[in-house]
Amino acid sequence: MVALKSVLVIDDDPAIQKYLKRLLEAAGYGIRTADNGRKGLDAYREERADVVVTDIFMDQQDGLELIRNLRAHDPTAIIVAMSGGYPGVPGDYLAIATKLGAAATWEKPFDADMVLRTVRQLLDR
């Protein structure tokens, strides 16, 4: 029996969590979720995920800090950063996420085909 590839989705928006969970489960992935970076890091430490998808702007440890902490814990972690920006906060946070070690980035809103294609390509590396 082949083990499911696992994806850890970290986002403080329950609608995004639910959407990605449904989409990725339907594609055959095992999914876990967390609603902030601190809980996401704890979940990863408890059980490694094949891919981590994280939002940038969250309470209790944002996505950029999470990427730094994940890299320190597991330099081989495959990370996707996503963001729709944040009103009043200038900057290209997805570019910063890439410099910190994100293998891919998604700008919200994103489409299902792009999500599935990106996860598949990252796992096929």
PDB file of N, CA and C in Angstrom:
ATOM      1  N   MET A   1       0.843  -1.186   0.000  1.00  0.00           N
ATOM      2  CA  MET A   1       0.000   0.000   0.000  1.00  0.00           C
ATOM      3  C   MET A   1       0.886   1.247   0.000  1.00  0.00           C
ATOM      4  N   VAL A   2       0.590   2.178  -0.867  1.00  0.00           N
ATOM      5  CA  VAL A   2       1.352   3.415  -0.973  1.00  0.00           C
ATOM      6  C   VAL A   2       0.763   4.444  -0.017  1.00  0.00           C
ATOM      7  N   ALA A   3       1.623   5.072   0.782  1.00  0.00           N
ATOM      8  CA  ALA A   3       1.167   6.097   1.714  1.00  0.00           C
ATOM      9  C   ALA A   3       0.772   7.353   0.948  1.00  0.00           C
ATOM     10  N   LEU A   4      -0.273   7.997   1.432  1.00  0.00           N
ATOM     11  CA  LEU A   4      -0.691   9.264   0.834  1.00  0.00           C
ATOM     12  C   LEU A   4       0.391  10.314   1.042  1.00  0.00           C
ATOM     13  N   LYS A   5       0.596  11.130   0.049  1.00  0.00           N
ATOM     14  CA  LYS A   5       1.449  12.301   0.232  1.00  0.00           C
ATOM     15  C   LYS A   5       0.657  13.282   1.086  1.00  0.00           C
ATOM     16  N   SER A   6       1.338  13.950   2.000  1.00  0.00           N
ATOM     17  CA  SER A   6       0.628  14.819   2.941  1.00  0.00           C
ATOM     18  C   SER A   6       0.914  16.290   2.677  1.00  0.00           C
ATOM     19  N   VAL A   7      -0.112  17.100   2.897  1.00  0.00           N
ATOM     20  CA  VAL A   7      -0.004  18.551   2.756  1.00  0.00           C
ATOM     21  C   VAL A   7      -0.512  19.172   4.051  1.00  0.00           C
ATOM     22  N   LEU A   8       0.274  20.072   4.610  1.00  0.00           N
ATOM     23  CA  LEU A   8      -0.115  20.836   5.783  1.00  0.00           C
ATOM     24  C   LEU A   8      -0.501  22.230   5.304  1.00  0.00           C
ATOM     25  N   VAL A   9      -1.758  22.609   5.512  1.00  0.00           N
ATOM     26  CA  VAL A   9      -2.273  23.916   5.095  1.00  0.00           C
ATOM     27  C   VAL A   9      -2.367  24.804   6.330  1.00  0.00           C
ATOM     28  N   ILE A  10      -1.681  25.960   6.273  1.00  0.00           N
ATOM     29  CA  ILE A  10      -1.659  26.879   7.408  1.00  0.00           C
ATOM     30  C   ILE A  10      -2.221  28.219   6.940  1.00  0.00           C
ATOM     31  N   ASP A  11      -3.400  28.548   7.445  1.00  0.00           N
ATOM     32  CA  ASP A  11      -4.058  29.799   7.070  1.00  0.00           C
ATOM     33  C   ASP A  11      -5.068  30.137   8.148  1.00  0.00           C
ATOM     34  N   ASP A  12      -5.176  31.416   8.481  1.00  0.00           N
ATOM     35  CA  ASP A  12      -6.128  31.833   9.513  1.00  0.00           C
ATOM     36  C   ASP A  12      -7.536  32.037   8.958  1.00  0.00           C
ATOM     37  N   ASP A  13      -7.721  31.874   7.673  1.00  0.00           N
ATOM     38  CA  ASP A  13      -9.041  32.008   7.051  1.00  0.00           C
ATOM     39  C   ASP A  13      -9.661  30.617   6.903  1.00  0.00           C
ATOM     40  N   PRO A  14     -10.723  30.321   7.660  1.00  0.00           N
ATOM     41  CA  PRO A  14     -11.342  28.996   7.586  1.00  0.00           C
ATOM     42  C   PRO A  14     -11.832  28.638   6.184  1.00  0.00           C
ATOM     43  N   ALA A  15     -12.251  29.626   5.408  1.00  0.00           N
ATOM     44  CA  ALA A  15     -12.738  29.353   4.048  1.00  0.00           C
ATOM     45  C   ALA A  15     -11.591  28.859   3.155  1.00  0.00           C
ATOM     46  N   ILE A  16     -10.410  29.446   3.292  1.00  0.00           N
ATOM     47  CA  ILE A  16      -9.244  29.004   2.508  1.00  0.00           C
ATOM     48  C   ILE A  16      -8.840  27.599   2.947  1.00  0.00           C
ATOM     49  N   GLN A  17      -8.807  27.377   4.252  1.00  0.00           N
ATOM     50  CA  GLN A  17      -8.484  26.039   4.763  1.00  0.00           C
ATOM     51  C   GLN A  17      -9.442  24.999   4.178  1.00  0.00           C
ATOM     52  N   LYS A  18     -10.725  25.283   4.254  1.00  0.00           N
ATOM     53  CA  LYS A  18     -11.748  24.338   3.787  1.00  0.00           C
ATOM     54  C   LYS A  18     -11.611  24.080   2.286  1.00  0.00           C
ATOM     55  N   TYR A  19     -11.413  25.147   1.511  1.00  0.00           N
ATOM     56  CA  TYR A  19     -11.268  25.022   0.061  1.00  0.00           C
ATOM     57  C   TYR A  19     -10.073  24.142  -0.296  1.00  0.00           C
ATOM     58  N   LEU A  20      -8.906  24.450   0.285  1.00  0.00           N
ATOM     59  CA  LEU A  20      -7.702  23.682  -0.032  1.00  0.00           C
ATOM     60  C   LEU A  20      -7.814  22.240   0.474  1.00  0.00           C
ATOM     61  N   LYS A  21      -8.425  22.054   1.625  1.00  0.00           N
ATOM     62  CA  LYS A  21      -8.608  20.704   2.168  1.00  0.00           C
ATOM     63  C   LYS A  21      -9.454  19.863   1.216  1.00  0.00           C
ATOM     64  N   ARG A  22     -10.586  20.392   0.790  1.00  0.00           N
ATOM     65  CA  ARG A  22     -11.464  19.660  -0.144  1.00  0.00           C
ATOM     66  C   ARG A  22     -10.762  19.363  -1.465  1.00  0.00           C
ATOM     67  N   LEU A  23     -10.129  20.381  -2.022  1.00  0.00           N
ATOM     68  CA  LEU A  23      -9.460  20.261  -3.316  1.00  0.00           C
ATOM     69  C   LEU A  23      -8.352  19.212  -3.273  1.00  0.00           C
ATOM     70  N   LEU A  24      -7.497  19.306  -2.272  1.00  0.00           N
ATOM     71  CA  LEU A  24      -6.345  18.415  -2.196  1.00  0.00           C
ATOM     72  C   LEU A  24      -6.731  17.003  -1.765  1.00  0.00           C
ATOM     73  N   GLU A  25      -7.720  16.874  -0.896  1.00  0.00           N
ATOM     74  CA  GLU A  25      -8.204  15.533  -0.536  1.00  0.00           C
ATOM     75  C   GLU A  25      -8.815  14.838  -1.750  1.00  0.00           C
ATOM     76  N   ALA A  26      -9.574  15.579  -2.540  1.00  0.00           N
ATOM     77  CA  ALA A  26     -10.181  15.008  -3.749  1.00  0.00           C
ATOM     78  C   ALA A  26      -9.116  14.539  -4.737  1.00  0.00           C
ATOM     79  N   ALA A  27      -7.925  15.157  -4.680  1.00  0.00           N
ATOM     80  CA  ALA A  27      -6.821  14.766  -5.561  1.00  0.00           C
ATOM     81  C   ALA A  27      -5.990  13.630  -4.957  1.00  0.00           C
ATOM     82  N   GLY A  28      -6.361  13.174  -3.750  1.00  0.00           N
ATOM     83  CA  GLY A  28      -5.694  12.029  -3.158  1.00  0.00           C
ATOM     84  C   GLY A  28      -4.619  12.327  -2.132  1.00  0.00           C
ATOM     85  N   TYR A  29      -4.547  13.561  -1.666  1.00  0.00           N
ATOM     86  CA  TYR A  29      -3.551  13.933  -0.665  1.00  0.00           C
ATOM     87  C   TYR A  29      -4.142  13.844   0.737  1.00  0.00           C
ATOM     88  N   GLY A  30      -3.297  13.519   1.704  1.00  0.00           N
ATOM     89  CA  GLY A  30      -3.691  13.593   3.108  1.00  0.00           C
ATOM     90  C   GLY A  30      -3.477  15.023   3.576  1.00  0.00           C
ATOM     91  N   ILE A  31      -4.475  15.588   4.250  1.00  0.00           N
ATOM     92  CA  ILE A  31      -4.429  17.014   4.606  1.00  0.00           C
ATOM     93  C   ILE A  31      -4.555  17.199   6.118  1.00  0.00           C
ATOM     94  N   ARG A  32      -3.707  18.095   6.627  1.00  0.00           N
ATOM     95  CA  ARG A  32      -3.858  18.600   7.990  1.00  0.00           C
ATOM     96  C   ARG A  32      -3.893  20.119   7.887  1.00  0.00           C
ATOM     97  N   THR A  33      -4.516  20.768   8.851  1.00  0.00           N
ATOM     98  CA  THR A  33      -4.613  22.227   8.819  1.00  0.00           C
ATOM     99  C   THR A  33      -4.207  22.823  10.166  1.00  0.00           C
ATOM    100  N   ALA A  34      -3.806  24.073  10.106  1.00  0.00           N
ATOM    101  CA  ALA A  34      -3.517  24.869  11.303  1.00  0.00           C
ATOM    102  C   ALA A  34      -3.908  26.302  10.986  1.00  0.00           C
ATOM    103  N   ASP A  35      -4.291  27.057  12.020  1.00  0.00           N
ATOM    104  CA  ASP A  35      -4.787  28.412  11.752  1.00  0.00           C
ATOM    105  C   ASP A  35      -3.784  29.519  12.078  1.00  0.00           C
ATOM    106  N   ASN A  36      -2.546  29.159  12.418  1.00  0.00           N
ATOM    107  CA  ASN A  36      -1.501  30.173  12.539  1.00  0.00           C
ATOM    108  C   ASN A  36      -0.140  29.487  12.449  1.00  0.00           C
ATOM    109  N   GLY A  37       0.885  30.272  12.281  1.00  0.00           N
ATOM    110  CA  GLY A  37       2.217  29.727  12.079  1.00  0.00           C
ATOM    111  C   GLY A  37       2.742  28.922  13.250  1.00  0.00           C
ATOM    112  N   ARG A  38       2.435  29.340  14.456  1.00  0.00           N
ATOM    113  CA  ARG A  38       2.915  28.609  15.625  1.00  0.00           C
ATOM    114  C   ARG A  38       2.318  27.201  15.672  1.00  0.00           C
ATOM    115  N   LYS A  39       0.999  27.114  15.461  1.00  0.00           N
ATOM    116  CA  LYS A  39       0.341  25.802  15.452  1.00  0.00           C
ATOM    117  C   LYS A  39       0.817  24.969  14.267  1.00  0.00           C
ATOM    118  N   GLY A  40       1.066  25.627  13.146  1.00  0.00           N
ATOM    119  CA  GLY A  40       1.562  24.926  11.969  1.00  0.00           C
ATOM    120  C   GLY A  40       2.931  24.315  12.195  1.00  0.00           C
ATOM    121  N   LEU A  41       3.813  25.082  12.826  1.00  0.00           N
ATOM    122  CA  LEU A  41       5.149  24.571  13.128  1.00  0.00           C
ATOM    123  C   LEU A  41       5.066  23.392  14.094  1.00  0.00           C
ATOM    124  N   ASP A  42       4.206  23.517  15.106  1.00  0.00           N
ATOM    125  CA  ASP A  42       4.006  22.408  16.051  1.00  0.00           C
ATOM    126  C   ASP A  42       3.495  21.166  15.322  1.00  0.00           C
ATOM    127  N   ALA A  43       2.539  21.352  14.407  1.00  0.00           N
ATOM    128  CA  ALA A  43       1.990  20.219  13.653  1.00  0.00           C
ATOM    129  C   ALA A  43       3.065  19.568  12.796  1.00  0.00           C
ATOM    130  N   TYR A  44       3.927  20.370  12.192  1.00  0.00           N
ATOM    131  CA  TYR A  44       5.007  19.839  11.359  1.00  0.00           C
ATOM    132  C   TYR A  44       6.010  19.075  12.215  1.00  0.00           C
ATOM    133  N   ARG A  45       6.308  19.599  13.374  1.00  0.00           N
ATOM    134  CA  ARG A  45       7.244  18.918  14.272  1.00  0.00           C
ATOM    135  C   ARG A  45       6.689  17.581  14.751  1.00  0.00           C
ATOM    136  N   GLU A  46       5.371  17.527  14.971  1.00  0.00           N
ATOM    137  CA  GLU A  46       4.724  16.282  15.394  1.00  0.00           C
ATOM    138  C   GLU A  46       4.745  15.246  14.281  1.00  0.00           C
ATOM    139  N   GLU A  47       4.446  15.685  13.077  1.00  0.00           N
ATOM    140  CA  GLU A  47       4.406  14.783  11.924  1.00  0.00           C
ATOM    141  C   GLU A  47       4.745  15.573  10.674  1.00  0.00           C
ATOM    142  N   ARG A  48       5.892  15.250  10.092  1.00  0.00           N
ATOM    143  CA  ARG A  48       6.374  15.946   8.898  1.00  0.00           C
ATOM    144  C   ARG A  48       5.346  15.842   7.774  1.00  0.00           C
ATOM    145  N   ALA A  49       5.185  16.915   7.029  1.00  0.00           N
ATOM    146  CA  ALA A  49       4.326  16.926   5.840  1.00  0.00           C
ATOM    147  C   ALA A  49       5.215  16.943   4.601  1.00  0.00           C
ATOM    148  N   ASP A  50       4.719  16.384   3.505  1.00  0.00           N
ATOM    149  CA  ASP A  50       5.486  16.399   2.257  1.00  0.00           C
ATOM    150  C   ASP A  50       5.526  17.803   1.662  1.00  0.00           C
ATOM    151  N   VAL A  51       4.446  18.566   1.843  1.00  0.00           N
ATOM    152  CA  VAL A  51       4.372  19.957   1.373  1.00  0.00           C
ATOM    153  C   VAL A  51       3.680  20.775   2.456  1.00  0.00           C
ATOM    154  N   VAL A  52       4.186  21.972   2.695  1.00  0.00           N
ATOM    155  CA  VAL A  52       3.554  22.928   3.606  1.00  0.00           C
ATOM    156  C   VAL A  52       3.083  24.114   2.772  1.00  0.00           C
ATOM    157  N   VAL A  53       1.806  24.445   2.910  1.00  0.00           N
ATOM    158  CA  VAL A  53       1.235  25.620   2.250  1.00  0.00           C
ATOM    159  C   VAL A  53       0.881  26.613   3.346  1.00  0.00           C
ATOM    160  N   THR A  54       1.484  27.792   3.302  1.00  0.00           N
ATOM    161  CA  THR A  54       1.242  28.764   4.362  1.00  0.00           C
ATOM    162  C   THR A  54       0.862  30.139   3.829  1.00  0.00           C
ATOM    163  N   ASP A  55      -0.069  30.745   4.531  1.00  0.00           N
ATOM    164  CA  ASP A  55      -0.401  32.139   4.281  1.00  0.00           C
ATOM    165  C   ASP A  55       0.730  32.987   4.866  1.00  0.00           C
ATOM    166  N   ILE A  56       0.813  34.225   4.427  1.00  0.00           N
ATOM    167  CA  ILE A  56       1.834  35.133   4.953  1.00  0.00           C
ATOM    168  C   ILE A  56       1.323  35.881   6.179  1.00  0.00           C
ATOM    169  N   PHE A  57       0.145  36.484   6.087  1.00  0.00           N
ATOM    170  CA  PHE A  57      -0.348  37.332   7.167  1.00  0.00           C
ATOM    171  C   PHE A  57      -1.272  36.551   8.094  1.00  0.00           C
ATOM    172  N   MET A  58      -0.752  36.249   9.298  1.00  0.00           N
ATOM    173  CA  MET A  58      -1.509  35.529  10.324  1.00  0.00           C
ATOM    174  C   MET A  58      -1.052  36.016  11.693  1.00  0.00           C
ATOM    175  N   ASP A  59      -1.915  35.831  12.688  1.00  0.00           N
ATOM    176  CA  ASP A  59      -1.553  36.126  14.067  1.00  0.00           C
ATOM    177  C   ASP A  59      -0.677  34.997  14.614  1.00  0.00           C
ATOM    178  N   GLN A  60      -0.032  35.265  15.705  1.00  0.00           N
ATOM    179  CA  GLN A  60       0.749  34.273  16.458  1.00  0.00           C
ATOM    180  C   GLN A  60       1.777  33.552  15.589  1.00  0.00           C
ATOM    181  N   GLN A  61       2.504  34.248  14.828  1.00  0.00           N
ATOM    182  CA  GLN A  61       3.598  33.826  13.954  1.00  0.00           C
ATOM    183  C   GLN A  61       3.125  33.875  12.507  1.00  0.00           C
ATOM    184  N   ASP A  62       3.626  34.861  11.802  1.00  0.00           N
ATOM    185  CA  ASP A  62       3.230  35.013  10.401  1.00  0.00           C
ATOM    186  C   ASP A  62       3.965  34.003   9.528  1.00  0.00           C
ATOM    187  N   GLY A  63       3.613  33.984   8.260  1.00  0.00           N
ATOM    188  CA  GLY A  63       4.180  33.010   7.335  1.00  0.00           C
ATOM    189  C   GLY A  63       5.666  33.170   7.097  1.00  0.00           C
ATOM    190  N   LEU A  64       6.169  34.405   7.110  1.00  0.00           N
ATOM    191  CA  LEU A  64       7.605  34.607   6.891  1.00  0.00           C
ATOM    192  C   LEU A  64       8.408  34.037   8.060  1.00  0.00           C
ATOM    193  N   GLU A  65       7.943  34.286   9.271  1.00  0.00           N
ATOM    194  CA  GLU A  65       8.601  33.719  10.449  1.00  0.00           C
ATOM    195  C   GLU A  65       8.487  32.194  10.430  1.00  0.00           C
ATOM    196  N   LEU A  66       7.335  31.698  10.026  1.00  0.00           N
ATOM    197  CA  LEU A  66       7.149  30.249   9.924  1.00  0.00           C
ATOM    198  C   LEU A  66       8.145  29.637   8.941  1.00  0.00           C
ATOM    199  N   ILE A  67       8.320  30.268   7.788  1.00  0.00           N
ATOM    200  CA  ILE A  67       9.266  29.747   6.795  1.00  0.00           C
ATOM    201  C   ILE A  67      10.674  29.690   7.396  1.00  0.00           C
ATOM    202  N   ARG A  68      11.088  30.746   8.066  1.00  0.00           N
ATOM    203  CA  ARG A  68      12.409  30.748   8.719  1.00  0.00           C
ATOM    204  C   ARG A  68      12.519  29.609   9.732  1.00  0.00           C
ATOM    205  N   ASN A  69      11.490  29.432  10.555  1.00  0.00           N
ATOM    206  CA  ASN A  69      11.516  28.393  11.583  1.00  0.00           C
ATOM    207  C   ASN A  69      11.467  26.993  10.982  1.00  0.00           C
ATOM    208  N   LEU A  70      10.676  26.809   9.935  1.00  0.00           N
ATOM    209  CA  LEU A  70      10.635  25.508   9.265  1.00  0.00           C
ATOM    210  C   LEU A  70      11.992  25.168   8.662  1.00  0.00           C
ATOM    211  N   ARG A  71      12.612  26.146   8.004  1.00  0.00           N
ATOM    212  CA  ARG A  71      13.933  25.936   7.405  1.00  0.00           C
ATOM    213  C   ARG A  71      14.960  25.558   8.467  1.00  0.00           C
ATOM    214  N   ALA A  72      14.880  26.187   9.647  1.00  0.00           N
ATOM    215  CA  ALA A  72      15.811  25.865  10.729  1.00  0.00           C
ATOM    216  C   ALA A  72      15.566  24.443  11.241  1.00  0.00           C
ATOM    217  N   HIS A  73      14.304  24.048  11.316  1.00  0.00           N
ATOM    218  CA  HIS A  73      13.943  22.715  11.803  1.00  0.00           C
ATOM    219  C   HIS A  73      14.206  21.638  10.758  1.00  0.00           C
ATOM    220  N   ASP A  74      13.879  21.928   9.496  1.00  0.00           N
ATOM    221  CA  ASP A  74      14.011  20.947   8.410  1.00  0.00           C
ATOM    222  C   ASP A  74      14.377  21.682   7.121  1.00  0.00           C
ATOM    223  N   PRO A  75      15.672  21.764   6.804  1.00  0.00           N
ATOM    224  CA  PRO A  75      16.100  22.480   5.601  1.00  0.00           C
ATOM    225  C   PRO A  75      15.537  21.897   4.306  1.00  0.00           C
ATOM    226  N   THR A  76      15.014  20.677   4.336  1.00  0.00           N
ATOM    227  CA  THR A  76      14.464  20.051   3.124  1.00  0.00           C
ATOM    228  C   THR A  76      12.964  20.268   2.965  1.00  0.00           C
ATOM    229  N   ALA A  77      12.329  20.961   3.903  1.00  0.00           N
ATOM    230  CA  ALA A  77      10.881  21.179   3.840  1.00  0.00           C
ATOM    231  C   ALA A  77      10.497  21.854   2.520  1.00  0.00           C
ATOM    232  N   ILE A  78       9.414  21.378   1.919  1.00  0.00           N
ATOM    233  CA  ILE A  78       8.892  21.977   0.684  1.00  0.00           C
ATOM    234  C   ILE A  78       7.760  22.910   1.092  1.00  0.00           C
ATOM    235  N   ILE A  79       7.943  24.190   0.810  1.00  0.00           N
ATOM    236  CA  ILE A  79       7.022  25.218   1.297  1.00  0.00           C
ATOM    237  C   ILE A  79       6.449  26.020   0.135  1.00  0.00           C
ATOM    238  N   VAL A  80       5.125  26.237   0.193  1.00  0.00           N
ATOM    239  CA  VAL A  80       4.436  27.134  -0.729  1.00  0.00           C
ATOM    240  C   VAL A  80       3.887  28.279   0.115  1.00  0.00           C
ATOM    241  N   ALA A  81       4.206  29.513  -0.263  1.00  0.00           N
ATOM    242  CA  ALA A  81       3.692  30.687   0.438  1.00  0.00           C
ATOM    243  C   ALA A  81       2.580  31.303  -0.400  1.00  0.00           C
ATOM    244  N   MET A  82       1.529  31.765   0.285  1.00  0.00           N
ATOM    245  CA  MET A  82       0.418  32.404  -0.434  1.00  0.00           C
ATOM    246  C   MET A  82       0.008  33.674   0.302  1.00  0.00           C
ATOM    247  N   SER A  83      -0.478  34.627  -0.479  1.00  0.00           N
ATOM    248  CA  SER A  83      -0.919  35.879   0.118  1.00  0.00           C
ATOM    249  C   SER A  83      -1.804  36.648  -0.841  1.00  0.00           C
ATOM    250  N   GLY A  84      -2.735  37.345  -0.265  1.00  0.00           N
ATOM    251  CA  GLY A  84      -3.559  38.273  -1.020  1.00  0.00           C
ATOM    252  C   GLY A  84      -3.184  39.697  -0.697  1.00  0.00           C
ATOM    253  N   GLY A  85      -2.048  39.855   0.002  1.00  0.00           N
ATOM    254  CA  GLY A  85      -1.622  41.181   0.440  1.00  0.00           C
ATOM    255  C   GLY A  85      -2.326  41.538   1.735  1.00  0.00           C
ATOM    256  N   TYR A  86      -2.019  42.698   2.214  1.00  0.00           N
ATOM    257  CA  TYR A  86      -2.628  43.165   3.457  1.00  0.00           C
ATOM    258  C   TYR A  86      -2.818  44.663   3.328  1.00  0.00           C
ATOM    259  N   PRO A  87      -4.045  45.148   3.489  1.00  0.00           N
ATOM    260  CA  PRO A  87      -4.303  46.582   3.319  1.00  0.00           C
ATOM    261  C   PRO A  87      -3.392  47.444   4.191  1.00  0.00           C
ATOM    262  N   GLY A  88      -2.774  48.405   3.561  1.00  0.00           N
ATOM    263  CA  GLY A  88      -1.926  49.348   4.280  1.00  0.00           C
ATOM    264  C   GLY A  88      -0.518  48.859   4.550  1.00  0.00           C
ATOM    265  N   VAL A  89      -0.191  47.649   4.107  1.00  0.00           N
ATOM    266  CA  VAL A  89       1.153  47.121   4.327  1.00  0.00           C
ATOM    267  C   VAL A  89       1.817  46.927   2.966  1.00  0.00           C
ATOM    268  N   PRO A  90       2.710  47.843   2.594  1.00  0.00           N
ATOM    269  CA  PRO A  90       3.367  47.715   1.294  1.00  0.00           C
ATOM    270  C   PRO A  90       4.445  46.637   1.318  1.00  0.00           C
ATOM    271  N   GLY A  91       4.769  46.142   0.157  1.00  0.00           N
ATOM    272  CA  GLY A  91       5.869  45.192   0.064  1.00  0.00           C
ATOM    273  C   GLY A  91       5.480  43.959  -0.718  1.00  0.00           C
ATOM    274  N   ASP A  92       6.481  43.336  -1.302  1.00  0.00           N
ATOM    275  CA  ASP A  92       6.265  42.107  -2.058  1.00  0.00           C
ATOM    276  C   ASP A  92       6.640  40.933  -1.159  1.00  0.00           C
ATOM    277  N   TYR A  93       5.695  40.525  -0.343  1.00  0.00           N
ATOM    278  CA  TYR A  93       5.954  39.492   0.643  1.00  0.00           C
ATOM    279  C   TYR A  93       6.161  38.118   0.030  1.00  0.00           C
ATOM    280  N   LEU A  94       5.604  37.867  -1.132  1.00  0.00           N
ATOM    281  CA  LEU A  94       5.830  36.584  -1.783  1.00  0.00           C
ATOM    282  C   LEU A  94       7.274  36.482  -2.278  1.00  0.00           C
ATOM    283  N   ALA A  95       7.833  37.586  -2.741  1.00  0.00           N
ATOM    284  CA  ALA A  95       9.248  37.584  -3.142  1.00  0.00           C
ATOM    285  C   ALA A  95      10.145  37.359  -1.927  1.00  0.00           C
ATOM    286  N   ILE A  96       9.786  37.949  -0.812  1.00  0.00           N
ATOM    287  CA  ILE A  96      10.554  37.739   0.415  1.00  0.00           C
ATOM    288  C   ILE A  96      10.451  36.271   0.837  1.00  0.00           C
ATOM    289  N   ALA A  97       9.257  35.702   0.725  1.00  0.00           N
ATOM    290  CA  ALA A  97       9.062  34.293   1.075  1.00  0.00           C
ATOM    291  C   ALA A  97       9.953  33.394   0.225  1.00  0.00           C
ATOM    292  N   THR A  98      10.080  33.716  -1.055  1.00  0.00           N
ATOM    293  CA  THR A  98      10.946  32.938  -1.940  1.00  0.00           C
ATOM    294  C   THR A  98      12.398  33.039  -1.486  1.00  0.00           C
ATOM    295  N   LYS A  99      12.831  34.244  -1.127  1.00  0.00           N
ATOM    296  CA  LYS A  99      14.212  34.424  -0.650  1.00  0.00           C
ATOM    297  C   LYS A  99      14.465  33.656   0.642  1.00  0.00           C
ATOM    298  N   LEU A 100      13.421  33.491   1.451  1.00  0.00           N
ATOM    299  CA  LEU A 100      13.560  32.759   2.716  1.00  0.00           C
ATOM    300  C   LEU A 100      13.500  31.242   2.525  1.00  0.00           C
ATOM    301  N   GLY A 101      13.070  30.817   1.326  1.00  0.00           N
ATOM    302  CA  GLY A 101      13.077  29.374   1.079  1.00  0.00           C
ATOM    303  C   GLY A 101      11.798  28.762   0.570  1.00  0.00           C
ATOM    304  N   ALA A 102      10.785  29.560   0.274  1.00  0.00           N
ATOM    305  CA  ALA A 102       9.566  28.991  -0.310  1.00  0.00           C
ATOM    306  C   ALA A 102       9.875  28.504  -1.725  1.00  0.00           C
ATOM    307  N   ALA A 103       9.437  27.290  -2.032  1.00  0.00           N
ATOM    308  CA  ALA A 103       9.695  26.705  -3.350  1.00  0.00           C
ATOM    309  C   ALA A 103       8.738  27.252  -4.408  1.00  0.00           C
ATOM    310  N   ALA A 104       7.582  27.760  -3.972  1.00  0.00           N
ATOM    311  CA  ALA A 104       6.588  28.313  -4.890  1.00  0.00           C
ATOM    312  C   ALA A 104       5.743  29.328  -4.124  1.00  0.00           C
ATOM    313  N   THR A 105       5.061  30.197  -4.868  1.00  0.00           N
ATOM    314  CA  THR A 105       4.160  31.174  -4.249  1.00  0.00           C
ATOM    315  C   THR A 105       2.862  31.232  -5.039  1.00  0.00           C
ATOM    316  N   TRP A 106       1.793  31.538  -4.326  1.00  0.00           N
ATOM    317  CA  TRP A 106       0.476  31.732  -4.938  1.00  0.00           C
ATOM    318  C   TRP A 106      -0.068  33.075  -4.483  1.00  0.00           C
ATOM    319  N   GLU A 107      -0.526  33.847  -5.437  1.00  0.00           N
ATOM    320  CA  GLU A 107      -1.208  35.091  -5.104  1.00  0.00           C
ATOM    321  C   GLU A 107      -2.699  34.797  -5.033  1.00  0.00           C
ATOM    322  N   LYS A 108      -3.325  35.203  -3.929  1.00  0.00           N
ATOM    323  CA  LYS A 108      -4.766  35.012  -3.776  1.00  0.00           C
ATOM    324  C   LYS A 108      -5.481  36.074  -4.584  1.00  0.00           C
ATOM    325  N   PRO A 109      -6.569  35.771  -5.225  1.00  0.00           N
ATOM    326  CA  PRO A 109      -7.180  34.444  -5.320  1.00  0.00           C
ATOM    327  C   PRO A 109      -6.434  33.584  -6.341  1.00  0.00           C
ATOM    328  N   PHE A 110      -6.418  32.282  -6.089  1.00  0.00           N
ATOM    329  CA  PHE A 110      -5.755  31.337  -6.984  1.00  0.00           C
ATOM    330  C   PHE A 110      -6.783  30.340  -7.486  1.00  0.00           C
ATOM    331  N   ASP A 111      -6.422  29.609  -8.536  1.00  0.00           N
ATOM    332  CA  ASP A 111      -7.383  28.652  -9.082  1.00  0.00           C
ATOM    333  C   ASP A 111      -6.948  27.222  -8.791  1.00  0.00           C
ATOM    334  N   ALA A 112      -7.905  26.315  -8.847  1.00  0.00           N
ATOM    335  CA  ALA A 112      -7.690  24.913  -8.495  1.00  0.00           C
ATOM    336  C   ALA A 112      -6.614  24.261  -9.354  1.00  0.00           C
ATOM    337  N   ASP A 113      -6.626  24.512 -10.647  1.00  0.00           N
ATOM    338  CA  ASP A 113      -5.638  23.886 -11.534  1.00  0.00           C
ATOM    339  C   ASP A 113      -4.219  24.273 -11.141  1.00  0.00           C
ATOM    340  N   MET A 114      -4.011  25.532 -10.814  1.00  0.00           N
ATOM    341  CA  MET A 114      -2.686  25.992 -10.428  1.00  0.00           C
ATOM    342  C   MET A 114      -2.244  25.321  -9.120  1.00  0.00           C
ATOM    343  N   VAL A 115      -3.145  25.229  -8.160  1.00  0.00           N
ATOM    344  CA  VAL A 115      -2.826  24.588  -6.877  1.00  0.00           C
ATOM    345  C   VAL A 115      -2.398  23.144  -7.104  1.00  0.00           C
ATOM    346  N   LEU A 116      -3.204  22.397  -7.830  1.00  0.00           N
ATOM    347  CA  LEU A 116      -2.909  20.980  -8.057  1.00  0.00           C
ATOM    348  C   LEU A 116      -1.631  20.790  -8.866  1.00  0.00           C
ATOM    349  N   ARG A 117      -1.452  21.612  -9.891  1.00  0.00           N
ATOM    350  CA  ARG A 117      -0.256  21.524 -10.726  1.00  0.00           C
ATOM    351  C   ARG A 117       1.004  21.814  -9.899  1.00  0.00           C
ATOM    352  N   THR A 118       0.956  22.844  -9.078  1.00  0.00           N
ATOM    353  CA  THR A 118       2.116  23.225  -8.270  1.00  0.00           C
ATOM    354  C   THR A 118       2.476  22.121  -7.272  1.00  0.00           C
ATOM    355  N   VAL A 119       1.483  21.609  -6.557  1.00  0.00           N
ATOM    356  CA  VAL A 119       1.762  20.566  -5.557  1.00  0.00           C
ATOM    357  C   VAL A 119       2.324  19.331  -6.238  1.00  0.00           C
ATOM    358  N   ARG A 120       1.739  18.932  -7.349  1.00  0.00           N
ATOM    359  CA  ARG A 120       2.223  17.755  -8.086  1.00  0.00           C
ATOM    360  C   ARG A 120       3.670  17.961  -8.536  1.00  0.00           C
ATOM    361  N   GLN A 121       3.964  19.143  -9.105  1.00  0.00           N
ATOM    362  CA  GLN A 121       5.324  19.412  -9.579  1.00  0.00           C
ATOM    363  C   GLN A 121       6.333  19.420  -8.432  1.00  0.00           C
ATOM    364  N   LEU A 122       5.963  19.967  -7.308  1.00  0.00           N
ATOM    365  CA  LEU A 122       6.875  20.006  -6.163  1.00  0.00           C
ATOM    366  C   LEU A 122       7.141  18.595  -5.636  1.00  0.00           C
ATOM    367  N   LEU A 123       6.139  17.777  -5.621  1.00  0.00           N
ATOM    368  CA  LEU A 123       6.310  16.397  -5.136  1.00  0.00           C
ATOM    369  C   LEU A 123       7.063  15.526  -6.120  1.00  0.00           C
ATOM    370  N   ASP A 124       7.014  15.875  -7.392  1.00  0.00           N
ATOM    371  CA  ASP A 124       7.703  15.086  -8.423  1.00  0.00           C
ATOM    372  C   ASP A 124       9.190  15.413  -8.530  1.00  0.00           C
ATOM    373  N   ARG A 125       9.641  16.440  -7.835  1.00  0.00           N
ATOM    374  CA  ARG A 125      11.049  16.836  -7.915  1.00  0.00           C
ATOM    375  C   ARG A 125      11.950  15.734  -7.421  1.00  0.00           C
TER     376      ARG A 125
END
